[in-house]
Amino acid sequence: MINSSDLNDINIKIIKYPIITDKATRLLANNQYSFVVSPKSDKPTIKATIEYLFNVKVVKINTAHLPKKKKRIGQHLGWKSHYKKAIVTLSEGDTINLFAEEN
């Protein structure tokens, strides 16, 4: 799946964590997975990293820069940080196990 020249470009730290929300769990039925990624990462780098980490074939990637939001704690007003979201569509038959199975 990955050429040896692509291994130099893979930085595992660009994938921060998966997004587990109501919408993200609905997208799992369509074989789509959501991740928070580094804001400076691009689609080919995200694709290569997902394919390398999870040993799957990525068909499509949609990305979105989400704006920072106001957050109030008591009388103090602050901001939640800006982040980038990637929705990754996998090929048929490939899956990523996001939930740990207990024995």
PDB file of N, CA and C in Angstrom:
ATOM      1  N   MET A   1       0.807  -1.199   0.000  1.00  0.00           N
ATOM      2  CA  MET A   1       0.000   0.000   0.000  1.00  0.00           C
ATOM      3  C   MET A   1       0.855   1.270   0.000  1.00  0.00           C
ATOM      4  N   ILE A   2       1.971   1.230   0.718  1.00  0.00           N
ATOM      5  CA  ILE A   2       2.790   2.424   0.863  1.00  0.00           C
ATOM      6  C   ILE A   2       4.142   2.176   0.209  1.00  0.00           C
ATOM      7  N   ASN A   3       4.584   3.133  -0.599  1.00  0.00           N
ATOM      8  CA  ASN A   3       5.897   3.035  -1.213  1.00  0.00           C
ATOM      9  C   ASN A   3       6.965   3.344  -0.179  1.00  0.00           C
ATOM     10  N   SER A   4       8.168   2.873  -0.426  1.00  0.00           N
ATOM     11  CA  SER A   4       9.254   3.134   0.518  1.00  0.00           C
ATOM     12  C   SER A   4       9.589   4.623   0.568  1.00  0.00           C
ATOM     13  N   SER A   5       9.314   5.363  -0.520  1.00  0.00           N
ATOM     14  CA  SER A   5       9.579   6.804  -0.514  1.00  0.00           C
ATOM     15  C   SER A   5       8.578   7.546   0.363  1.00  0.00           C
ATOM     16  N   ASP A   6       7.376   6.976   0.535  1.00  0.00           N
ATOM     17  CA  ASP A   6       6.367   7.616   1.374  1.00  0.00           C
ATOM     18  C   ASP A   6       6.669   7.466   2.857  1.00  0.00           C
ATOM     19  N   LEU A   7       7.460   6.456   3.234  1.00  0.00           N
ATOM     20  CA  LEU A   7       7.748   6.235   4.648  1.00  0.00           C
ATOM     21  C   LEU A   7       8.510   7.399   5.271  1.00  0.00           C
ATOM     22  N   ASN A   8       9.252   8.132   4.456  1.00  0.00           N
ATOM     23  CA  ASN A   8       9.974   9.295   4.977  1.00  0.00           C
ATOM     24  C   ASN A   8       9.018  10.423   5.327  1.00  0.00           C
ATOM     25  N   ASP A   9       7.868  10.487   4.643  1.00  0.00           N
ATOM     26  CA  ASP A   9       6.909  11.566   4.856  1.00  0.00           C
ATOM     27  C   ASP A   9       5.939  11.278   6.000  1.00  0.00           C
ATOM     28  N   ILE A  10       5.900  10.033   6.483  1.00  0.00           N
ATOM     29  CA  ILE A  10       4.917   9.675   7.493  1.00  0.00           C
ATOM     30  C   ILE A  10       5.370  10.170   8.859  1.00  0.00           C
ATOM     31  N   ASN A  11       4.520  10.955   9.461  1.00  0.00           N
ATOM     32  CA  ASN A  11       4.738  11.413  10.824  1.00  0.00           C
ATOM     33  C   ASN A  11       3.521  10.952  11.613  1.00  0.00           C
ATOM     34  N   ILE A  12       3.720   9.984  12.485  1.00  0.00           N
ATOM     35  CA  ILE A  12       2.613   9.367  13.201  1.00  0.00           C
ATOM     36  C   ILE A  12       1.909  10.363  14.118  1.00  0.00           C
ATOM     37  N   LYS A  13       2.596  11.424  14.511  1.00  0.00           N
ATOM     38  CA  LYS A  13       2.036  12.382  15.459  1.00  0.00           C
ATOM     39  C   LYS A  13       0.964  13.285  14.848  1.00  0.00           C
ATOM     40  N   ILE A  14       0.742  13.229  13.530  1.00  0.00           N
ATOM     41  CA  ILE A  14      -0.284  14.103  12.959  1.00  0.00           C
ATOM     42  C   ILE A  14      -1.688  13.606  13.289  1.00  0.00           C
ATOM     43  N   ILE A  15      -1.854  12.297  13.557  1.00  0.00           N
ATOM     44  CA  ILE A  15      -3.150  11.757  13.978  1.00  0.00           C
ATOM     45  C   ILE A  15      -3.194  11.853  15.491  1.00  0.00           C
ATOM     46  N   LYS A  16      -4.056  12.748  16.014  1.00  0.00           N
ATOM     47  CA  LYS A  16      -4.078  12.970  17.454  1.00  0.00           C
ATOM     48  C   LYS A  16      -4.957  11.956  18.184  1.00  0.00           C
ATOM     49  N   TYR A  17      -6.223  11.855  17.810  1.00  0.00           N
ATOM     50  CA  TYR A  17      -7.139  10.898  18.444  1.00  0.00           C
ATOM     51  C   TYR A  17      -8.402  10.779  17.602  1.00  0.00           C
ATOM     52  N   PRO A  18      -9.131   9.663  17.742  1.00  0.00           N
ATOM     53  CA  PRO A  18     -10.394   9.520  17.009  1.00  0.00           C
ATOM     54  C   PRO A  18     -11.500  10.333  17.670  1.00  0.00           C
ATOM     55  N   ILE A  19     -12.468  10.742  16.876  1.00  0.00           N
ATOM     56  CA  ILE A  19     -13.622  11.479  17.376  1.00  0.00           C
ATOM     57  C   ILE A  19     -14.748  10.479  17.615  1.00  0.00           C
ATOM     58  N   ILE A  20     -15.259  10.443  18.849  1.00  0.00           N
ATOM     59  CA  ILE A  20     -16.362   9.543  19.201  1.00  0.00           C
ATOM     60  C   ILE A  20     -17.553  10.417  19.598  1.00  0.00           C
ATOM     61  N   THR A  21     -18.398  10.730  18.631  1.00  0.00           N
ATOM     62  CA  THR A  21     -19.613  11.505  18.878  1.00  0.00           C
ATOM     63  C   THR A  21     -20.778  10.755  18.238  1.00  0.00           C
ATOM     64  N   ASP A  22     -21.979  11.284  18.394  1.00  0.00           N
ATOM     65  CA  ASP A  22     -23.153  10.647  17.788  1.00  0.00           C
ATOM     66  C   ASP A  22     -23.024  10.586  16.264  1.00  0.00           C
ATOM     67  N   LYS A  23     -22.619  11.689  15.660  1.00  0.00           N
ATOM     68  CA  LYS A  23     -22.487  11.717  14.204  1.00  0.00           C
ATOM     69  C   LYS A  23     -21.369  10.781  13.740  1.00  0.00           C
ATOM     70  N   ALA A  24     -20.258  10.767  14.465  1.00  0.00           N
ATOM     71  CA  ALA A  24     -19.137   9.907  14.080  1.00  0.00           C
ATOM     72  C   ALA A  24     -19.509   8.430  14.173  1.00  0.00           C
ATOM     73  N   THR A  25     -20.309   8.060  15.164  1.00  0.00           N
ATOM     74  CA  THR A  25     -20.717   6.654  15.269  1.00  0.00           C
ATOM     75  C   THR A  25     -21.729   6.289  14.186  1.00  0.00           C
ATOM     76  N   ARG A  26     -22.531   7.245  13.737  1.00  0.00           N
ATOM     77  CA  ARG A  26     -23.430   6.992  12.608  1.00  0.00           C
ATOM     78  C   ARG A  26     -22.640   6.792  11.315  1.00  0.00           C
ATOM     79  N   LEU A  27     -21.530   7.500  11.175  1.00  0.00           N
ATOM     80  CA  LEU A  27     -20.707   7.376   9.976  1.00  0.00           C
ATOM     81  C   LEU A  27     -19.979   6.037   9.905  1.00  0.00           C
ATOM     82  N   LEU A  28     -19.829   5.360  11.043  1.00  0.00           N
ATOM     83  CA  LEU A  28     -19.176   4.050  11.044  1.00  0.00           C
ATOM     84  C   LEU A  28     -19.933   3.042  10.187  1.00  0.00           C
ATOM     85  N   ALA A  29     -21.251   3.219  10.057  1.00  0.00           N
ATOM     86  CA  ALA A  29     -22.046   2.322   9.219  1.00  0.00           C
ATOM     87  C   ALA A  29     -21.662   2.464   7.742  1.00  0.00           C
ATOM     88  N   ASN A  30     -21.165   3.633   7.343  1.00  0.00           N
ATOM     89  CA  ASN A  30     -20.731   3.875   5.964  1.00  0.00           C
ATOM     90  C   ASN A  30     -19.237   3.629   5.788  1.00  0.00           C
ATOM     91  N   ASN A  31     -18.604   3.021   6.799  1.00  0.00           N
ATOM     92  CA  ASN A  31     -17.173   2.739   6.786  1.00  0.00           C
ATOM     93  C   ASN A  31     -16.347   4.023   6.748  1.00  0.00           C
ATOM     94  N   GLN A  32     -16.817   5.055   7.476  1.00  0.00           N
ATOM     95  CA  GLN A  32     -16.125   6.335   7.579  1.00  0.00           C
ATOM     96  C   GLN A  32     -15.719   6.557   9.033  1.00  0.00           C
ATOM     97  N   TYR A  33     -14.480   6.980   9.237  1.00  0.00           N
ATOM     98  CA  TYR A  33     -13.934   7.190  10.574  1.00  0.00           C
ATOM     99  C   TYR A  33     -13.454   8.629  10.693  1.00  0.00           C
ATOM    100  N   SER A  34     -13.680   9.250  11.866  1.00  0.00           N
ATOM    101  CA  SER A  34     -13.314  10.643  12.091  1.00  0.00           C
ATOM    102  C   SER A  34     -12.135  10.723  13.047  1.00  0.00           C
ATOM    103  N   PHE A  35     -11.175  11.590  12.703  1.00  0.00           N
ATOM    104  CA  PHE A  35      -9.990  11.788  13.524  1.00  0.00           C
ATOM    105  C   PHE A  35      -9.695  13.275  13.653  1.00  0.00           C
ATOM    106  N   VAL A  36      -9.135  13.667  14.789  1.00  0.00           N
ATOM    107  CA  VAL A  36      -8.572  15.002  14.934  1.00  0.00           C
ATOM    108  C   VAL A  36      -7.122  14.896  14.496  1.00  0.00           C
ATOM    109  N   VAL A  37      -6.728  15.771  13.576  1.00  0.00           N
ATOM    110  CA  VAL A  37      -5.378  15.730  13.024  1.00  0.00           C
ATOM    111  C   VAL A  37      -4.695  17.080  13.217  1.00  0.00           C
ATOM    112  N   SER A  38      -3.420  17.108  12.953  1.00  0.00           N
ATOM    113  CA  SER A  38      -2.653  18.340  13.056  1.00  0.00           C
ATOM    114  C   SER A  38      -3.177  19.361  12.042  1.00  0.00           C
ATOM    115  N   PRO A  39      -3.338  20.627  12.436  1.00  0.00           N
ATOM    116  CA  PRO A  39      -3.891  21.633  11.513  1.00  0.00           C
ATOM    117  C   PRO A  39      -3.053  21.869  10.261  1.00  0.00           C
ATOM    118  N   LYS A  40      -1.777  21.553  10.295  1.00  0.00           N
ATOM    119  CA  LYS A  40      -0.917  21.794   9.137  1.00  0.00           C
ATOM    120  C   LYS A  40      -0.776  20.583   8.227  1.00  0.00           C
ATOM    121  N   SER A  41      -1.435  19.473   8.552  1.00  0.00           N
ATOM    122  CA  SER A  41      -1.310  18.264   7.741  1.00  0.00           C
ATOM    123  C   SER A  41      -2.175  18.364   6.488  1.00  0.00           C
ATOM    124  N   ASP A  42      -1.739  17.673   5.435  1.00  0.00           N
ATOM    125  CA  ASP A  42      -2.497  17.667   4.190  1.00  0.00           C
ATOM    126  C   ASP A  42      -3.057  16.266   3.925  1.00  0.00           C
ATOM    127  N   LYS A  43      -3.935  16.155   2.928  1.00  0.00           N
ATOM    128  CA  LYS A  43      -4.640  14.900   2.673  1.00  0.00           C
ATOM    129  C   LYS A  43      -3.716  13.727   2.315  1.00  0.00           C
ATOM    130  N   PRO A  44      -2.719  13.905   1.442  1.00  0.00           N
ATOM    131  CA  PRO A  44      -1.854  12.756   1.144  1.00  0.00           C
ATOM    132  C   PRO A  44      -1.083  12.253   2.373  1.00  0.00           C
ATOM    133  N   THR A  45      -0.677  13.143   3.243  1.00  0.00           N
ATOM    134  CA  THR A  45       0.031  12.736   4.457  1.00  0.00           C
ATOM    135  C   THR A  45      -0.901  12.009   5.413  1.00  0.00           C
ATOM    136  N   ILE A  46      -2.124  12.490   5.549  1.00  0.00           N
ATOM    137  CA  ILE A  46      -3.110  11.827   6.412  1.00  0.00           C
ATOM    138  C   ILE A  46      -3.410  10.435   5.868  1.00  0.00           C
ATOM    139  N   LYS A  47      -3.593  10.325   4.554  1.00  0.00           N
ATOM    140  CA  LYS A  47      -3.889   9.031   3.932  1.00  0.00           C
ATOM    141  C   LYS A  47      -2.753   8.038   4.171  1.00  0.00           C
ATOM    142  N   ALA A  48      -1.522   8.463   3.949  1.00  0.00           N
ATOM    143  CA  ALA A  48      -0.381   7.565   4.136  1.00  0.00           C
ATOM    144  C   ALA A  48      -0.246   7.138   5.591  1.00  0.00           C
ATOM    145  N   THR A  49      -0.508   8.050   6.512  1.00  0.00           N
ATOM    146  CA  THR A  49      -0.378   7.727   7.929  1.00  0.00           C
ATOM    147  C   THR A  49      -1.457   6.750   8.374  1.00  0.00           C
ATOM    148  N   ILE A  50      -2.703   6.955   7.959  1.00  0.00           N
ATOM    149  CA  ILE A  50      -3.792   6.039   8.324  1.00  0.00           C
ATOM    150  C   ILE A  50      -3.525   4.650   7.743  1.00  0.00           C
ATOM    151  N   GLU A  51      -3.094   4.588   6.487  1.00  0.00           N
ATOM    152  CA  GLU A  51      -2.805   3.300   5.870  1.00  0.00           C
ATOM    153  C   GLU A  51      -1.646   2.592   6.577  1.00  0.00           C
ATOM    154  N   TYR A  52      -0.648   3.340   7.022  1.00  0.00           N
ATOM    155  CA  TYR A  52       0.497   2.757   7.706  1.00  0.00           C
ATOM    156  C   TYR A  52       0.131   2.283   9.114  1.00  0.00           C
ATOM    157  N   LEU A  53      -0.614   3.104   9.859  1.00  0.00           N
ATOM    158  CA  LEU A  53      -0.931   2.772  11.248  1.00  0.00           C
ATOM    159  C   LEU A  53      -1.910   1.608  11.364  1.00  0.00           C
ATOM    160  N   PHE A  54      -2.955   1.601  10.554  1.00  0.00           N
ATOM    161  CA  PHE A  54      -4.043   0.634  10.716  1.00  0.00           C
ATOM    162  C   PHE A  54      -4.052  -0.463   9.657  1.00  0.00           C
ATOM    163  N   ASN A  55      -3.131  -0.415   8.681  1.00  0.00           N
ATOM    164  CA  ASN A  55      -3.021  -1.424   7.627  1.00  0.00           C
ATOM    165  C   ASN A  55      -4.345  -1.593   6.877  1.00  0.00           C
ATOM    166  N   VAL A  56      -4.890  -0.474   6.390  1.00  0.00           N
ATOM    167  CA  VAL A  56      -6.140  -0.452   5.641  1.00  0.00           C
ATOM    168  C   VAL A  56      -5.929   0.325   4.342  1.00  0.00           C
ATOM    169  N   LYS A  57      -6.903   0.254   3.442  1.00  0.00           N
ATOM    170  CA  LYS A  57      -6.867   1.004   2.189  1.00  0.00           C
ATOM    171  C   LYS A  57      -7.836   2.170   2.283  1.00  0.00           C
ATOM    172  N   VAL A  58      -7.328   3.392   2.157  1.00  0.00           N
ATOM    173  CA  VAL A  58      -8.146   4.604   2.238  1.00  0.00           C
ATOM    174  C   VAL A  58      -8.618   4.975   0.839  1.00  0.00           C
ATOM    175  N   VAL A  59      -9.933   5.185   0.707  1.00  0.00           N
ATOM    176  CA  VAL A  59     -10.527   5.552  -0.579  1.00  0.00           C
ATOM    177  C   VAL A  59     -10.631   7.065  -0.707  1.00  0.00           C
ATOM    178  N   LYS A  60     -11.057   7.742   0.368  1.00  0.00           N
ATOM    179  CA  LYS A  60     -11.341   9.165   0.294  1.00  0.00           C
ATOM    180  C   LYS A  60     -11.099   9.809   1.648  1.00  0.00           C
ATOM    181  N   ILE A  61     -10.713  11.091   1.634  1.00  0.00           N
ATOM    182  CA  ILE A  61     -10.522  11.853   2.868  1.00  0.00           C
ATOM    183  C   ILE A  61     -11.190  13.207   2.710  1.00  0.00           C
ATOM    184  N   ASN A  62     -12.012  13.570   3.676  1.00  0.00           N
ATOM    185  CA  ASN A  62     -12.591  14.908   3.752  1.00  0.00           C
ATOM    186  C   ASN A  62     -12.006  15.586   4.984  1.00  0.00           C
ATOM    187  N   THR A  63     -11.580  16.843   4.837  1.00  0.00           N
ATOM    188  CA  THR A  63     -11.014  17.567   5.966  1.00  0.00           C
ATOM    189  C   THR A  63     -11.782  18.864   6.187  1.00  0.00           C
ATOM    190  N   ALA A  64     -11.738  19.340   7.427  1.00  0.00           N
ATOM    191  CA  ALA A  64     -12.392  20.599   7.777  1.00  0.00           C
ATOM    192  C   ALA A  64     -11.606  21.271   8.892  1.00  0.00           C
ATOM    193  N   HIS A  65     -11.373  22.579   8.742  1.00  0.00           N
ATOM    194  CA  HIS A  65     -10.789  23.372   9.810  1.00  0.00           C
ATOM    195  C   HIS A  65     -11.944  23.901  10.649  1.00  0.00           C
ATOM    196  N   LEU A  66     -12.025  23.466  11.884  1.00  0.00           N
ATOM    197  CA  LEU A  66     -13.109  23.893  12.750  1.00  0.00           C
ATOM    198  C   LEU A  66     -12.669  25.107  13.559  1.00  0.00           C
ATOM    199  N   PRO A  67     -13.527  26.104  13.696  1.00  0.00           N
ATOM    200  CA  PRO A  67     -13.130  27.348  14.360  1.00  0.00           C
ATOM    201  C   PRO A  67     -13.028  27.178  15.867  1.00  0.00           C
ATOM    202  N   LYS A  68     -12.268  28.092  16.484  1.00  0.00           N
ATOM    203  CA  LYS A  68     -12.218  28.064  17.942  1.00  0.00           C
ATOM    204  C   LYS A  68     -13.528  28.622  18.483  1.00  0.00           C
ATOM    205  N   LYS A  69     -13.914  28.157  19.679  1.00  0.00           N
ATOM    206  CA  LYS A  69     -15.191  28.530  20.255  1.00  0.00           C
ATOM    207  C   LYS A  69     -14.989  29.161  21.620  1.00  0.00           C
ATOM    208  N   LYS A  70     -15.920  30.028  22.002  1.00  0.00           N
ATOM    209  CA  LYS A  70     -15.867  30.637  23.325  1.00  0.00           C
ATOM    210  C   LYS A  70     -16.248  29.622  24.384  1.00  0.00           C
ATOM    211  N   LYS A  71     -15.576  29.673  25.500  1.00  0.00           N
ATOM    212  CA  LYS A  71     -15.853  28.779  26.620  1.00  0.00           C
ATOM    213  C   LYS A  71     -15.817  29.611  27.894  1.00  0.00           C
ATOM    214  N   ARG A  72     -16.894  29.539  28.664  1.00  0.00           N
ATOM    215  CA  ARG A  72     -16.973  30.308  29.894  1.00  0.00           C
ATOM    216  C   ARG A  72     -16.899  29.356  31.081  1.00  0.00           C
ATOM    217  N   ILE A  73     -16.016  29.685  32.013  1.00  0.00           N
ATOM    218  CA  ILE A  73     -15.907  28.957  33.271  1.00  0.00           C
ATOM    219  C   ILE A  73     -16.074  30.001  34.372  1.00  0.00           C
ATOM    220  N   GLY A  74     -17.255  30.017  34.976  1.00  0.00           N
ATOM    221  CA  GLY A  74     -17.541  31.039  35.984  1.00  0.00           C
ATOM    222  C   GLY A  74     -17.564  32.404  35.347  1.00  0.00           C
ATOM    223  N   GLN A  75     -16.794  33.320  35.889  1.00  0.00           N
ATOM    224  CA  GLN A  75     -16.763  34.668  35.332  1.00  0.00           C
ATOM    225  C   GLN A  75     -15.669  34.842  34.286  1.00  0.00           C
ATOM    226  N   HIS A  76     -14.870  33.824  34.065  1.00  0.00           N
ATOM    227  CA  HIS A  76     -13.761  33.913  33.123  1.00  0.00           C
ATOM    228  C   HIS A  76     -14.180  33.403  31.755  1.00  0.00           C
ATOM    229  N   LEU A  77     -13.805  34.171  30.751  1.00  0.00           N
ATOM    230  CA  LEU A  77     -14.121  33.828  29.373  1.00  0.00           C
ATOM    231  C   LEU A  77     -12.836  33.416  28.679  1.00  0.00           C
ATOM    232  N   GLY A  78     -12.869  32.262  28.024  1.00  0.00           N
ATOM    233  CA  GLY A  78     -11.692  31.776  27.310  1.00  0.00           C
ATOM    234  C   GLY A  78     -12.097  31.194  25.969  1.00  0.00           C
ATOM    235  N   TRP A  79     -11.171  30.506  25.346  1.00  0.00           N
ATOM    236  CA  TRP A  79     -11.404  29.941  24.029  1.00  0.00           C
ATOM    237  C   TRP A  79     -10.980  28.479  24.006  1.00  0.00           C
ATOM    238  N   LYS A  80     -11.794  27.639  23.356  1.00  0.00           N
ATOM    239  CA  LYS A  80     -11.375  26.278  23.041  1.00  0.00           C
ATOM    240  C   LYS A  80     -10.517  26.366  21.789  1.00  0.00           C
ATOM    241  N   SER A  81      -9.492  25.575  21.715  1.00  0.00           N
ATOM    242  CA  SER A  81      -8.532  25.716  20.625  1.00  0.00           C
ATOM    243  C   SER A  81      -9.102  25.270  19.276  1.00  0.00           C
ATOM    244  N   HIS A  82      -8.513  25.808  18.231  1.00  0.00           N
ATOM    245  CA  HIS A  82      -8.843  25.476  16.858  1.00  0.00           C
ATOM    246  C   HIS A  82      -8.258  24.104  16.534  1.00  0.00           C
ATOM    247  N   TYR A  83      -8.971  23.295  15.744  1.00  0.00           N
ATOM    248  CA  TYR A  83      -8.431  22.002  15.352  1.00  0.00           C
ATOM    249  C   TYR A  83      -8.917  21.627  13.960  1.00  0.00           C
ATOM    250  N   LYS A  84      -8.313  20.591  13.396  1.00  0.00           N
ATOM    251  CA  LYS A  84      -8.671  20.111  12.067  1.00  0.00           C
ATOM    252  C   LYS A  84      -9.214  18.702  12.192  1.00  0.00           C
ATOM    253  N   LYS A  85     -10.330  18.445  11.512  1.00  0.00           N
ATOM    254  CA  LYS A  85     -10.982  17.138  11.549  1.00  0.00           C
ATOM    255  C   LYS A  85     -10.845  16.476  10.188  1.00  0.00           C
ATOM    256  N   ALA A  86     -10.553  15.178  10.197  1.00  0.00           N
ATOM    257  CA  ALA A  86     -10.464  14.400   8.956  1.00  0.00           C
ATOM    258  C   ALA A  86     -11.453  13.245   9.035  1.00  0.00           C
ATOM    259  N   ILE A  87     -12.300  13.127   8.015  1.00  0.00           N
ATOM    260  CA  ILE A  87     -13.219  11.996   7.901  1.00  0.00           C
ATOM    261  C   ILE A  87     -12.659  11.091   6.806  1.00  0.00           C
ATOM    262  N   VAL A  88     -12.279   9.874   7.205  1.00  0.00           N
ATOM    263  CA  VAL A  88     -11.579   8.941   6.331  1.00  0.00           C
ATOM    264  C   VAL A  88     -12.549   7.846   5.903  1.00  0.00           C
ATOM    265  N   THR A  89     -12.698   7.647   4.586  1.00  0.00           N
ATOM    266  CA  THR A  89     -13.526   6.573   4.050  1.00  0.00           C
ATOM    267  C   THR A  89     -12.616   5.419   3.650  1.00  0.00           C
ATOM    268  N   LEU A  90     -12.915   4.227   4.177  1.00  0.00           N
ATOM    269  CA  LEU A  90     -12.111   3.037   3.887  1.00  0.00           C
ATOM    270  C   LEU A  90     -12.763   2.208   2.795  1.00  0.00           C
ATOM    271  N   SER A  91     -11.962   1.359   2.163  1.00  0.00           N
ATOM    272  CA  SER A  91     -12.503   0.476   1.136  1.00  0.00           C
ATOM    273  C   SER A  91     -13.332  -0.624   1.788  1.00  0.00           C
ATOM    274  N   GLU A  92     -14.138  -1.306   0.970  1.00  0.00           N
ATOM    275  CA  GLU A  92     -15.002  -2.373   1.465  1.00  0.00           C
ATOM    276  C   GLU A  92     -14.167  -3.476   2.115  1.00  0.00           C
ATOM    277  N   GLY A  93     -14.607  -3.933   3.267  1.00  0.00           N
ATOM    278  CA  GLY A  93     -13.931  -5.018   3.957  1.00  0.00           C
ATOM    279  C   GLY A  93     -12.881  -4.566   4.957  1.00  0.00           C
ATOM    280  N   ASP A  94     -12.426  -3.319   4.881  1.00  0.00           N
ATOM    281  CA  ASP A  94     -11.448  -2.799   5.842  1.00  0.00           C
ATOM    282  C   ASP A  94     -12.173  -2.126   6.993  1.00  0.00           C
ATOM    283  N   THR A  95     -11.690  -2.345   8.209  1.00  0.00           N
ATOM    284  CA  THR A  95     -12.251  -1.696   9.388  1.00  0.00           C
ATOM    285  C   THR A  95     -11.123  -1.291  10.322  1.00  0.00           C
ATOM    286  N   ILE A  96     -11.430  -0.328  11.196  1.00  0.00           N
ATOM    287  CA  ILE A  96     -10.521   0.100  12.253  1.00  0.00           C
ATOM    288  C   ILE A  96     -11.238  -0.147  13.567  1.00  0.00           C
ATOM    289  N   ASN A  97     -10.600  -0.849  14.487  1.00  0.00           N
ATOM    290  CA  ASN A  97     -11.197  -1.147  15.777  1.00  0.00           C
ATOM    291  C   ASN A  97     -10.918   0.019  16.736  1.00  0.00           C
ATOM    292  N   LEU A  98     -11.904   0.893  16.922  1.00  0.00           N
ATOM    293  CA  LEU A  98     -11.741   2.049  17.808  1.00  0.00           C
ATOM    294  C   LEU A  98     -12.048   1.724  19.256  1.00  0.00           C
ATOM    295  N   PHE A  99     -12.824   0.677  19.501  1.00  0.00           N
ATOM    296  CA  PHE A  99     -13.259   0.348  20.841  1.00  0.00           C
ATOM    297  C   PHE A  99     -12.543  -0.921  21.293  1.00  0.00           C
ATOM    298  N   ALA A 100     -11.924  -0.869  22.453  1.00  0.00           N
ATOM    299  CA  ALA A 100     -11.206  -2.037  22.985  1.00  0.00           C
ATOM    300  C   ALA A 100     -12.213  -3.090  23.427  1.00  0.00           C
ATOM    301  N   GLU A 101     -11.914  -4.321  23.107  1.00  0.00           N
ATOM    302  CA  GLU A 101     -12.801  -5.408  23.497  1.00  0.00           C
ATOM    303  C   GLU A 101     -12.319  -6.000  24.820  1.00  0.00           C
ATOM    304  N   GLU A 102     -13.234  -6.187  25.742  1.00  0.00           N
ATOM    305  CA  GLU A 102     -12.888  -6.774  27.035  1.00  0.00           C
ATOM    306  C   GLU A 102     -13.117  -8.279  26.989  1.00  0.00           C
ATOM    307  N   ASN A 103     -12.319  -9.005  27.743  1.00  0.00           N
ATOM    308  CA  ASN A 103     -12.460 -10.470  27.772  1.00  0.00           C
ATOM    309  C   ASN A 103     -13.511 -10.898  28.749  1.00  0.00           C
TER     310      ASN A 103
END
